Amino acid sequence: SLYGHRKVYFVAGKNKVSPDFASALHRVRNVVAPKNAQRLGKKPPCAVRGDKCYDCKSPERICRALAVLWEKPTGIGRAEVVLIDEPLGY
């Protein structure tokens, strides 16, 4: 999505919408990342305990990077966000 195709579509369920950046980041680190680590069979502390981010240094940590799009990236001809009125994924 950062430097890929000229047309980019982000499709997200209503459970991905947060009131502000801080709560969105908290959700990603403490809900989404542990569940995805479990799904992928990884064993960082968040997946083993299944409760929250431990800001660990585990070699199996899946939350090592964060990409935030404040605006449409330069070079993309068209970027759209499609919100679905139902929860999708984590």
C-alpha atoms as a PDB file:
ATOM      1  CA  SER A   1       0.000   0.000   0.000  1.00  0.00           C
ATOM      2  CA  LEU A   2       2.921   2.389   0.519  1.00  0.00           C
ATOM      3  CA  TYR A   3       4.733   1.996  -2.806  1.00  0.00           C
ATOM      4  CA  GLY A   4       2.647  -0.554  -4.644  1.00  0.00           C
ATOM      5  CA  HIS A   5      -0.101  -0.308  -7.195  1.00  0.00           C
ATOM      6  CA  ARG A   6      -1.563   2.900  -8.583  1.00  0.00           C
ATOM      7  CA  LYS A   7      -5.001   1.960  -7.271  1.00  0.00           C
ATOM      8  CA  VAL A   8      -5.254   0.920  -3.622  1.00  0.00           C
ATOM      9  CA  TYR A   9      -8.409  -0.126  -1.785  1.00  0.00           C
ATOM     10  CA  PHE A  10      -8.508  -0.570   1.974  1.00  0.00           C
ATOM     11  CA  VAL A  11     -11.469  -2.733   3.016  1.00  0.00           C
ATOM     12  CA  ALA A  12     -12.181  -2.805   6.740  1.00  0.00           C
ATOM     13  CA  GLY A  13     -14.958  -3.890   9.059  1.00  0.00           C
ATOM     14  CA  LYS A  14     -16.562  -1.570  11.584  1.00  0.00           C
ATOM     15  CA  ASN A  15     -14.502  -3.139  14.371  1.00  0.00           C
ATOM     16  CA  LYS A  16     -11.399  -1.464  12.888  1.00  0.00           C
ATOM     17  CA  VAL A  17     -12.715   2.050  13.529  1.00  0.00           C
ATOM     18  CA  SER A  18     -11.384   3.700  16.699  1.00  0.00           C
ATOM     19  CA  PRO A  19     -12.168   7.114  18.156  1.00  0.00           C
ATOM     20  CA  ASP A  20      -8.534   8.286  18.061  1.00  0.00           C
ATOM     21  CA  PHE A  21      -4.994   7.235  17.184  1.00  0.00           C
ATOM     22  CA  ALA A  22      -4.061   6.236  20.751  1.00  0.00           C
ATOM     23  CA  SER A  23      -6.997   3.837  21.093  1.00  0.00           C
ATOM     24  CA  ALA A  24      -6.340   2.409  17.624  1.00  0.00           C
ATOM     25  CA  LEU A  25      -2.710   1.738  18.520  1.00  0.00           C
ATOM     26  CA  HIS A  26      -3.756   0.176  21.833  1.00  0.00           C
ATOM     27  CA  ARG A  27      -6.213  -2.100  20.003  1.00  0.00           C
ATOM     28  CA  VAL A  28      -3.617  -3.218  17.465  1.00  0.00           C
ATOM     29  CA  ARG A  29      -0.977  -4.011  20.077  1.00  0.00           C
ATOM     30  CA  ASN A  30      -3.211  -5.555  22.763  1.00  0.00           C
ATOM     31  CA  VAL A  31      -5.976  -7.276  20.787  1.00  0.00           C
ATOM     32  CA  VAL A  32      -4.961  -7.800  17.172  1.00  0.00           C
ATOM     33  CA  ALA A  33      -1.263  -8.657  17.481  1.00  0.00           C
ATOM     34  CA  PRO A  34      -1.730 -11.365  20.164  1.00  0.00           C
ATOM     35  CA  LYS A  35      -4.534 -13.015  18.158  1.00  0.00           C
ATOM     36  CA  ASN A  36      -2.537 -12.910  14.925  1.00  0.00           C
ATOM     37  CA  ALA A  37       0.530 -14.316  16.673  1.00  0.00           C
ATOM     38  CA  GLN A  38      -1.611 -17.177  18.010  1.00  0.00           C
ATOM     39  CA  ARG A  39      -3.114 -17.768  14.570  1.00  0.00           C
ATOM     40  CA  LEU A  40       0.373 -17.923  13.036  1.00  0.00           C
ATOM     41  CA  GLY A  41       1.625 -20.335  15.708  1.00  0.00           C
ATOM     42  CA  LYS A  42       4.126 -17.843  17.132  1.00  0.00           C
ATOM     43  CA  LYS A  43       5.085 -17.868  20.813  1.00  0.00           C
ATOM     44  CA  PRO A  44       5.796 -14.322  22.020  1.00  0.00           C
ATOM     45  CA  PRO A  45       4.456 -13.561  25.527  1.00  0.00           C
ATOM     46  CA  CYS A  46       1.331 -11.844  24.168  1.00  0.00           C
ATOM     47  CA  ALA A  47       0.320 -14.985  22.245  1.00  0.00           C
ATOM     48  CA  VAL A  48       1.195 -17.415  25.035  1.00  0.00           C
ATOM     49  CA  ARG A  49      -0.751 -15.463  27.646  1.00  0.00           C
ATOM     50  CA  GLY A  50      -3.287 -14.093  25.149  1.00  0.00           C
ATOM     51  CA  ASP A  51      -3.996 -10.957  27.108  1.00  0.00           C
ATOM     52  CA  LYS A  52      -1.849  -7.923  26.138  1.00  0.00           C
ATOM     53  CA  CYS A  53       1.358  -6.624  24.600  1.00  0.00           C
ATOM     54  CA  TYR A  54       4.458  -7.079  26.743  1.00  0.00           C
ATOM     55  CA  ASP A  55       6.703  -4.929  24.515  1.00  0.00           C
ATOM     56  CA  CYS A  56       8.948  -7.982  24.369  1.00  0.00           C
ATOM     57  CA  LYS A  57      12.158  -8.684  22.507  1.00  0.00           C
ATOM     58  CA  SER A  58      11.014 -12.143  21.399  1.00  0.00           C
ATOM     59  CA  PRO A  59      12.412 -13.327  18.050  1.00  0.00           C
ATOM     60  CA  GLU A  60       8.820 -14.342  17.202  1.00  0.00           C
ATOM     61  CA  ARG A  61       7.400 -10.882  17.872  1.00  0.00           C
ATOM     62  CA  ILE A  62       5.111  -9.857  15.006  1.00  0.00           C
ATOM     63  CA  CYS A  63       4.606  -6.204  15.960  1.00  0.00           C
ATOM     64  CA  ARG A  64       8.050  -4.865  15.076  1.00  0.00           C
ATOM     65  CA  ALA A  65       6.924  -2.178  12.634  1.00  0.00           C
ATOM     66  CA  LEU A  66       4.094   0.293  12.203  1.00  0.00           C
ATOM     67  CA  ALA A  67       2.994   2.091   9.038  1.00  0.00           C
ATOM     68  CA  VAL A  68       0.611   5.015   9.449  1.00  0.00           C
ATOM     69  CA  LEU A  69      -0.975   6.739   6.460  1.00  0.00           C
ATOM     70  CA  TRP A  70      -1.964  10.267   7.439  1.00  0.00           C
ATOM     71  CA  GLU A  71      -2.790  11.093   3.825  1.00  0.00           C
ATOM     72  CA  LYS A  72      -2.745   9.365   0.455  1.00  0.00           C
ATOM     73  CA  PRO A  73       0.881   8.507  -0.450  1.00  0.00           C
ATOM     74  CA  THR A  74       2.434  10.379  -3.371  1.00  0.00           C
ATOM     75  CA  GLY A  75       2.382   8.388  -6.591  1.00  0.00           C
ATOM     76  CA  ILE A  76      -0.831   6.514  -5.901  1.00  0.00           C
ATOM     77  CA  GLY A  77      -3.430   7.529  -8.451  1.00  0.00           C
ATOM     78  CA  ARG A  78      -6.363   6.431  -6.361  1.00  0.00           C
ATOM     79  CA  ALA A  79      -6.724   5.265  -2.778  1.00  0.00           C
ATOM     80  CA  GLU A  80     -10.083   4.470  -1.242  1.00  0.00           C
ATOM     81  CA  VAL A  81     -11.270   3.249   2.127  1.00  0.00           C
ATOM     82  CA  VAL A  82     -14.282   0.929   2.051  1.00  0.00           C
ATOM     83  CA  LEU A  83     -15.941   0.404   5.428  1.00  0.00           C
ATOM     84  CA  ILE A  84     -18.167  -2.628   5.867  1.00  0.00           C
ATOM     85  CA  ASP A  85     -20.941  -2.338   8.472  1.00  0.00           C
ATOM     86  CA  GLU A  86     -20.009  -5.580  10.242  1.00  0.00           C
ATOM     87  CA  PRO A  87     -16.987  -6.813  12.172  1.00  0.00           C
ATOM     88  CA  LEU A  88     -14.319  -8.400   9.975  1.00  0.00           C
ATOM     89  CA  GLY A  89     -11.300 -10.229  11.348  1.00  0.00           C
ATOM     90  CA  TYR A  90      -9.802  -9.072  14.633  1.00  0.00           C
END
